[in-house]
PDB file of N, CA and C in Angstrom:
ATOM      1  N   MET A   1     150.363 187.938 158.637  1.00  0.00           N
ATOM      2  CA  MET A   1     150.705 189.408 158.783  1.00  0.00           C
ATOM      3  C   MET A   1     152.386 189.487 159.074  1.00  0.00           C
ATOM      4  N   ALA A   2     152.570 190.395 158.710  1.00  0.00           N
ATOM      5  CA  ALA A   2     154.148 190.790 158.851  1.00  0.00           C
ATOM      6  C   ALA A   2     154.657 191.945 159.093  1.00  0.00           C
ATOM      7  N   ILE A   3     155.735 192.616 159.435  1.00  0.00           N
ATOM      8  CA  ILE A   3     155.710 193.818 159.184  1.00  0.00           C
ATOM      9  C   ILE A   3     157.461 193.422 159.256  1.00  0.00           C
ATOM     10  N   LEU A   4     157.352 194.670 157.597  1.00  0.00           N
ATOM     11  CA  LEU A   4     158.834 194.739 157.170  1.00  0.00           C
ATOM     12  C   LEU A   4     159.798 195.833 157.636  1.00  0.00           C
ATOM     13  N   TYR A   5     161.225 195.398 157.640  1.00  0.00           N
ATOM     14  CA  TYR A   5     161.767 196.421 158.047  1.00  0.00           C
ATOM     15  C   TYR A   5     162.718 196.992 156.632  1.00  0.00           C
ATOM     16  N   ASP A   6     162.438 196.609 155.593  1.00  0.00           N
ATOM     17  CA  ASP A   6     163.179 197.114 154.409  1.00  0.00           C
ATOM     18  C   ASP A   6     163.276 198.733 154.300  1.00  0.00           C
ATOM     19  N   LYS A   7     161.999 199.748 155.021  1.00  0.00           N
ATOM     20  CA  LYS A   7     162.116 201.016 154.455  1.00  0.00           C
ATOM     21  C   LYS A   7     163.413 201.950 155.713  1.00  0.00           C
ATOM     22  N   LEU A   8     163.397 200.885 156.699  1.00  0.00           N
ATOM     23  CA  LEU A   8     164.761 201.209 157.368  1.00  0.00           C
ATOM     24  C   LEU A   8     165.875 201.011 157.006  1.00  0.00           C
ATOM     25  N   PHE A   9     166.325 199.917 156.154  1.00  0.00           N
ATOM     26  CA  PHE A   9     167.513 199.877 155.616  1.00  0.00           C
ATOM     27  C   PHE A   9     167.754 200.744 154.175  1.00  0.00           C
ATOM     28  N   ALA A  10     166.816 201.137 153.481  1.00  0.00           N
ATOM     29  CA  ALA A  10     166.630 202.127 152.776  1.00  0.00           C
ATOM     30  C   ALA A  10     167.125 203.155 153.249  1.00  0.00           C
ATOM     31  N   LEU A  11     166.245 203.793 154.220  1.00  0.00           N
ATOM     32  CA  LEU A  11     166.335 205.286 154.881  1.00  0.00           C
ATOM     33  C   LEU A  11     167.796 205.536 155.294  1.00  0.00           C
ATOM     34  N   LEU A  12     168.640 204.401 156.022  1.00  0.00           N
ATOM     35  CA  LEU A  12     170.057 204.323 156.567  1.00  0.00           C
ATOM     36  C   LEU A  12     170.920 204.277 154.986  1.00  0.00           C
ATOM     37  N   ALA A  13     170.370 203.354 153.958  1.00  0.00           N
ATOM     38  CA  ALA A  13     171.325 203.549 152.918  1.00  0.00           C
ATOM     39  C   ALA A  13     170.899 205.028 152.651  1.00  0.00           C
ATOM     40  N   GLU A  14     170.270 205.795 152.510  1.00  0.00           N
ATOM     41  CA  GLU A  14     169.816 207.157 151.991  1.00  0.00           C
ATOM     42  C   GLU A  14     170.830 208.369 152.560  1.00  0.00           C
ATOM     43  N   ARG A  15     170.483 207.584 153.950  1.00  0.00           N
ATOM     44  CA  ARG A  15     171.662 208.818 154.650  1.00  0.00           C
ATOM     45  C   ARG A  15     173.400 208.063 154.988  1.00  0.00           C
ATOM     46  N   GLY A  16     173.442 207.374 154.168  1.00  0.00           N
ATOM     47  CA  GLY A  16     174.811 207.036 154.495  1.00  0.00           C
ATOM     48  C   GLY A  16     175.102 206.491 155.821  1.00  0.00           C
ATOM     49  N   LEU A  17     174.087 205.614 156.279  1.00  0.00           N
ATOM     50  CA  LEU A  17     174.457 204.641 157.559  1.00  0.00           C
ATOM     51  C   LEU A  17     174.196 203.067 156.909  1.00  0.00           C
ATOM     52  N   ASN A  18     173.993 202.508 157.849  1.00  0.00           N
ATOM     53  CA  ASN A  18     174.099 201.516 158.098  1.00  0.00           C
ATOM     54  C   ASN A  18     173.981 200.264 159.125  1.00  0.00           C
ATOM     55  N   ALA A  19     173.957 199.117 159.057  1.00  0.00           N
ATOM     56  CA  ALA A  19     173.564 198.299 160.397  1.00  0.00           C
ATOM     57  C   ALA A  19     174.288 198.110 161.307  1.00  0.00           C
ATOM     58  N   TYR A  20     175.636 198.685 160.922  1.00  0.00           N
ATOM     59  CA  TYR A  20     177.013 198.927 161.903  1.00  0.00           C
ATOM     60  C   TYR A  20     176.833 199.679 162.732  1.00  0.00           C
ATOM     61  N   THR A  21     176.429 200.768 162.017  1.00  0.00           N
ATOM     62  CA  THR A  21     176.149 202.609 162.706  1.00  0.00           C
ATOM     63  C   THR A  21     175.271 202.145 164.021  1.00  0.00           C
ATOM     64  N   LEU A  22     173.647 201.272 163.799  1.00  0.00           N
ATOM     65  CA  LEU A  22     173.079 201.522 164.818  1.00  0.00           C
ATOM     66  C   LEU A  22     173.897 200.559 165.642  1.00  0.00           C
ATOM     67  N   LYS A  23     175.007 199.361 165.436  1.00  0.00           N
ATOM     68  CA  LYS A  23     175.398 198.722 166.682  1.00  0.00           C
ATOM     69  C   LYS A  23     176.481 199.804 167.349  1.00  0.00           C
ATOM     70  N   LYS A  24     176.972 199.665 166.359  1.00  0.00           N
ATOM     71  CA  LYS A  24     178.417 201.082 167.035  1.00  0.00           C
ATOM     72  C   LYS A  24     177.549 202.331 167.917  1.00  0.00           C
ATOM     73  N   GLU A  25     176.598 203.023 167.564  1.00  0.00           N
ATOM     74  CA  GLU A  25     175.942 203.763 168.304  1.00  0.00           C
ATOM     75  C   GLU A  25     174.773 203.444 169.427  1.00  0.00           C
ATOM     76  N   LYS A  26     174.962 202.249 169.572  1.00  0.00           N
ATOM     77  CA  LYS A  26     174.350 201.245 170.707  1.00  0.00           C
ATOM     78  C   LYS A  26     172.776 202.064 170.556  1.00  0.00           C
ATOM     79  N   VAL A  27     172.486 202.087 169.310  1.00  0.00           N
ATOM     80  CA  VAL A  27     171.082 202.453 169.434  1.00  0.00           C
ATOM     81  C   VAL A  27     169.849 200.992 169.499  1.00  0.00           C
ATOM     82  N   VAL A  28     170.404 199.689 168.753  1.00  0.00           N
ATOM     83  CA  VAL A  28     169.749 198.621 168.682  1.00  0.00           C
ATOM     84  C   VAL A  28     171.102 197.597 169.079  1.00  0.00           C
ATOM     85  N   GLY A  29     170.864 196.202 169.708  1.00  0.00           N
ATOM     86  CA  GLY A  29     171.569 195.079 170.076  1.00  0.00           C
ATOM     87  C   GLY A  29     171.568 194.559 168.722  1.00  0.00           C
ATOM     88  N   ASN A  30     173.463 193.376 168.689  1.00  0.00           N
ATOM     89  CA  ASN A  30     172.834 192.453 167.425  1.00  0.00           C
ATOM     90  C   ASN A  30     171.761 191.533 167.215  1.00  0.00           C
ATOM     91  N   ALA A  31     170.892 191.167 168.546  1.00  0.00           N
ATOM     92  CA  ALA A  31     170.148 190.459 167.818  1.00  0.00           C
ATOM     93  C   ALA A  31     168.853 190.992 167.307  1.00  0.00           C
ATOM     94  N   THR A  32     168.803 192.604 167.886  1.00  0.00           N
ATOM     95  CA  THR A  32     167.688 192.854 166.833  1.00  0.00           C
ATOM     96  C   THR A  32     168.169 193.301 165.875  1.00  0.00           C
ATOM     97  N   ILE A  33     169.012 194.125 165.599  1.00  0.00           N
ATOM     98  CA  ILE A  33     169.789 194.271 164.407  1.00  0.00           C
ATOM     99  C   ILE A  33     169.338 193.290 163.402  1.00  0.00           C
ATOM    100  N   GLU A  34     169.735 191.699 163.696  1.00  0.00           N
ATOM    101  CA  GLU A  34     169.468 190.563 163.150  1.00  0.00           C
ATOM    102  C   GLU A  34     168.275 190.503 162.685  1.00  0.00           C
ATOM    103  N   LYS A  35     167.055 190.368 163.705  1.00  0.00           N
ATOM    104  CA  LYS A  35     165.780 190.021 163.461  1.00  0.00           C
ATOM    105  C   LYS A  35     165.327 191.337 162.283  1.00  0.00           C
ATOM    106  N   LEU A  36     166.059 192.517 162.385  1.00  0.00           N
ATOM    107  CA  LEU A  36     165.366 193.315 161.382  1.00  0.00           C
ATOM    108  C   LEU A  36     165.722 193.430 160.114  1.00  0.00           C
ATOM    109  N   GLN A  37     167.118 192.689 159.715  1.00  0.00           N
ATOM    110  CA  GLN A  37     167.803 192.494 158.620  1.00  0.00           C
ATOM    111  C   GLN A  37     166.479 191.361 158.223  1.00  0.00           C
ATOM    112  N   LYS A  38     166.270 190.037 158.546  1.00  0.00           N
ATOM    113  CA  LYS A  38     165.839 188.855 158.399  1.00  0.00           C
ATOM    114  C   LYS A  38     164.331 189.458 158.269  1.00  0.00           C
ATOM    115  N   ASN A  39     163.511 190.510 158.811  1.00  0.00           N
ATOM    116  CA  ASN A  39     162.276 190.775 158.583  1.00  0.00           C
ATOM    117  C   ASN A  39     161.110 189.412 159.525  1.00  0.00           C
ATOM    118  N   GLU A  40     162.387 188.705 160.709  1.00  0.00           N
ATOM    119  CA  GLU A  40     161.466 188.154 161.381  1.00  0.00           C
ATOM    120  C   GLU A  40     161.382 188.288 162.898  1.00  0.00           C
ATOM    121  N   GLY A  41     160.253 187.839 163.634  1.00  0.00           N
ATOM    122  CA  GLY A  41     160.272 187.887 165.029  1.00  0.00           C
ATOM    123  C   GLY A  41     159.629 189.383 165.218  1.00  0.00           C
ATOM    124  N   ASN A  42     159.475 189.737 166.848  1.00  0.00           N
ATOM    125  CA  ASN A  42     158.867 191.183 166.780  1.00  0.00           C
ATOM    126  C   ASN A  42     160.138 191.577 167.640  1.00  0.00           C
ATOM    127  N   ILE A  43     159.717 193.014 167.458  1.00  0.00           N
ATOM    128  CA  ILE A  43     160.710 193.439 168.567  1.00  0.00           C
ATOM    129  C   ILE A  43     160.138 194.505 169.020  1.00  0.00           C
ATOM    130  N   ASP A  44     160.874 195.173 169.880  1.00  0.00           N
ATOM    131  CA  ASP A  44     160.002 195.652 171.515  1.00  0.00           C
ATOM    132  C   ASP A  44     159.504 197.439 170.495  1.00  0.00           C
ATOM    133  N   THR A  45     158.835 198.068 171.419  1.00  0.00           N
ATOM    134  CA  THR A  45     158.228 199.361 171.030  1.00  0.00           C
ATOM    135  C   THR A  45     159.703 200.286 171.282  1.00  0.00           C
ATOM    136  N   ARG A  46     160.334 199.625 172.531  1.00  0.00           N
ATOM    137  CA  ARG A  46     161.356 200.897 172.997  1.00  0.00           C
ATOM    138  C   ARG A  46     162.559 200.791 171.814  1.00  0.00           C
ATOM    139  N   SER A  47     162.510 199.386 171.087  1.00  0.00           N
ATOM    140  CA  SER A  47     163.795 199.540 169.957  1.00  0.00           C
ATOM    141  C   SER A  47     163.169 200.534 169.017  1.00  0.00           C
ATOM    142  N   ILE A  48     161.921 200.549 168.780  1.00  0.00           N
ATOM    143  CA  ILE A  48     161.499 201.228 167.468  1.00  0.00           C
ATOM    144  C   ILE A  48     161.672 202.601 168.233  1.00  0.00           C
ATOM    145  N   VAL A  49     161.234 202.879 169.080  1.00  0.00           N
ATOM    146  CA  VAL A  49     161.137 204.680 169.979  1.00  0.00           C
ATOM    147  C   VAL A  49     163.188 204.933 169.623  1.00  0.00           C
ATOM    148  N   ARG A  50     163.842 204.215 169.713  1.00  0.00           N
ATOM    149  CA  ARG A  50     165.425 204.469 169.747  1.00  0.00           C
ATOM    150  C   ARG A  50     165.912 204.554 168.505  1.00  0.00           C
ATOM    151  N   LEU A  51     165.584 204.197 167.415  1.00  0.00           N
ATOM    152  CA  LEU A  51     165.694 204.052 165.755  1.00  0.00           C
ATOM    153  C   LEU A  51     164.902 205.256 165.666  1.00  0.00           C
ATOM    154  N   CYS A  52     163.603 205.765 165.891  1.00  0.00           N
ATOM    155  CA  CYS A  52     162.946 206.914 165.625  1.00  0.00           C
ATOM    156  C   CYS A  52     163.930 207.737 166.127  1.00  0.00           C
ATOM    157  N   LYS A  53     164.212 207.803 167.495  1.00  0.00           N
ATOM    158  CA  LYS A  53     164.901 209.114 168.090  1.00  0.00           C
ATOM    159  C   LYS A  53     166.157 209.565 167.111  1.00  0.00           C
ATOM    160  N   PHE A  54     166.792 208.065 167.168  1.00  0.00           N
ATOM    161  CA  PHE A  54     168.417 208.335 166.390  1.00  0.00           C
ATOM    162  C   PHE A  54     168.366 208.901 165.022  1.00  0.00           C
ATOM    163  N   LEU A  55     166.876 208.242 164.354  1.00  0.00           N
ATOM    164  CA  LEU A  55     167.022 208.808 162.806  1.00  0.00           C
ATOM    165  C   LEU A  55     166.220 209.684 162.386  1.00  0.00           C
ATOM    166  N   GLN A  56     165.772 210.427 163.760  1.00  0.00           N
ATOM    167  CA  GLN A  56     164.465 211.343 163.602  1.00  0.00           C
ATOM    168  C   GLN A  56     163.523 211.716 162.597  1.00  0.00           C
ATOM    169  N   CYS A  57     162.776 210.331 162.706  1.00  0.00           N
ATOM    170  CA  CYS A  57     161.551 209.945 162.049  1.00  0.00           C
ATOM    171  C   CYS A  57     160.391 209.066 162.399  1.00  0.00           C
ATOM    172  N   GLN A  58     159.736 208.687 162.518  1.00  0.00           N
ATOM    173  CA  GLN A  58     158.126 208.319 162.327  1.00  0.00           C
ATOM    174  C   GLN A  58     158.320 206.942 162.472  1.00  0.00           C
ATOM    175  N   PRO A  59     157.559 205.660 163.055  1.00  0.00           N
ATOM    176  CA  PRO A  59     157.816 204.556 162.738  1.00  0.00           C
ATOM    177  C   PRO A  59     157.402 204.111 161.472  1.00  0.00           C
ATOM    178  N   GLY A  60     156.533 204.962 160.400  1.00  0.00           N
ATOM    179  CA  GLY A  60     155.752 204.474 159.259  1.00  0.00           C
ATOM    180  C   GLY A  60     157.498 204.684 158.554  1.00  0.00           C
ATOM    181  N   ASP A  61     158.057 205.634 158.786  1.00  0.00           N
ATOM    182  CA  ASP A  61     159.525 205.538 157.471  1.00  0.00           C
ATOM    183  C   ASP A  61     160.321 204.328 157.852  1.00  0.00           C
ATOM    184  N   ILE A  62     160.019 203.591 158.621  1.00  0.00           N
ATOM    185  CA  ILE A  62     161.101 202.333 159.198  1.00  0.00           C
ATOM    186  C   ILE A  62     160.556 201.185 158.879  1.00  0.00           C
ATOM    187  N   MET A  63     159.259 201.077 158.839  1.00  0.00           N
ATOM    188  CA  MET A  63     158.454 199.768 159.044  1.00  0.00           C
ATOM    189  C   MET A  63     157.479 200.150 158.382  1.00  0.00           C
ATOM    190  N   GLU A  64     156.515 198.249 157.710  1.00  0.00           N
ATOM    191  CA  GLU A  64     155.812 198.487 156.680  1.00  0.00           C
ATOM    192  C   GLU A  64     154.677 197.357 157.420  1.00  0.00           C
ATOM    193  N   PHE A  65     153.623 197.602 157.291  1.00  0.00           N
ATOM    194  CA  PHE A  65     152.715 196.322 157.886  1.00  0.00           C
ATOM    195  C   PHE A  65     152.598 195.552 156.250  1.00  0.00           C
ATOM    196  N   VAL A  66     152.651 194.145 156.284  1.00  0.00           N
ATOM    197  CA  VAL A  66     152.181 193.970 155.262  1.00  0.00           C
ATOM    198  C   VAL A  66     151.605 192.308 155.370  1.00  0.00           C
ATOM    199  N   ASP A  67     149.795 192.448 155.028  1.00  0.00           N
ATOM    200  CA  ASP A  67     149.140 191.471 155.354  1.00  0.00           C
ATOM    201  C   ASP A  67     149.337 190.249 154.621  1.00  0.00           C
ATOM    202  N   ASP A  68     149.652 189.030 154.570  1.00  0.00           N
ATOM    203  CA  ASP A  68     149.493 188.097 153.848  1.00  0.00           C
ATOM    204  C   ASP A  68     148.531 187.234 153.913  1.00  0.00           C
ATOM    205  N   GLY A  69     147.596 187.611 154.543  1.00  0.00           N
ATOM    206  CA  GLY A  69     146.433 186.574 154.615  1.00  0.00           C
ATOM    207  C   GLY A  69     146.223 185.417 155.574  1.00  0.00           C
ATOM    208  N   ALA A  70     147.458 185.589 156.200  1.00  0.00           N
ATOM    209  CA  ALA A  70     147.545 184.239 157.257  1.00  0.00           C
ATOM    210  C   ALA A  70     147.495 185.110 158.586  1.00  0.00           C
ATOM    211  N   GLU A  71     146.719 184.253 159.808  1.00  0.00           N
ATOM    212  CA  GLU A  71     146.526 184.445 161.024  1.00  0.00           C
ATOM    213  C   GLU A  71     147.003 183.881 162.483  1.00  0.00           C
TER     214      GLU A  71
END
């Protein structure tokens, strides 16, 4: 099972933003941005809240659950 953050980067691009914007605006830190870009590891809900607040969106707008059959 995996959470993919491709929707986040598509939303950023759609709005003329990028990962650097998240860092510059202190929405999330470097380590979190790297995890998001690589779709690896877990990020905490506080980071999701900050992203959603900054982008004025819902969690489903930035992340997607994909069931890869593994547990």
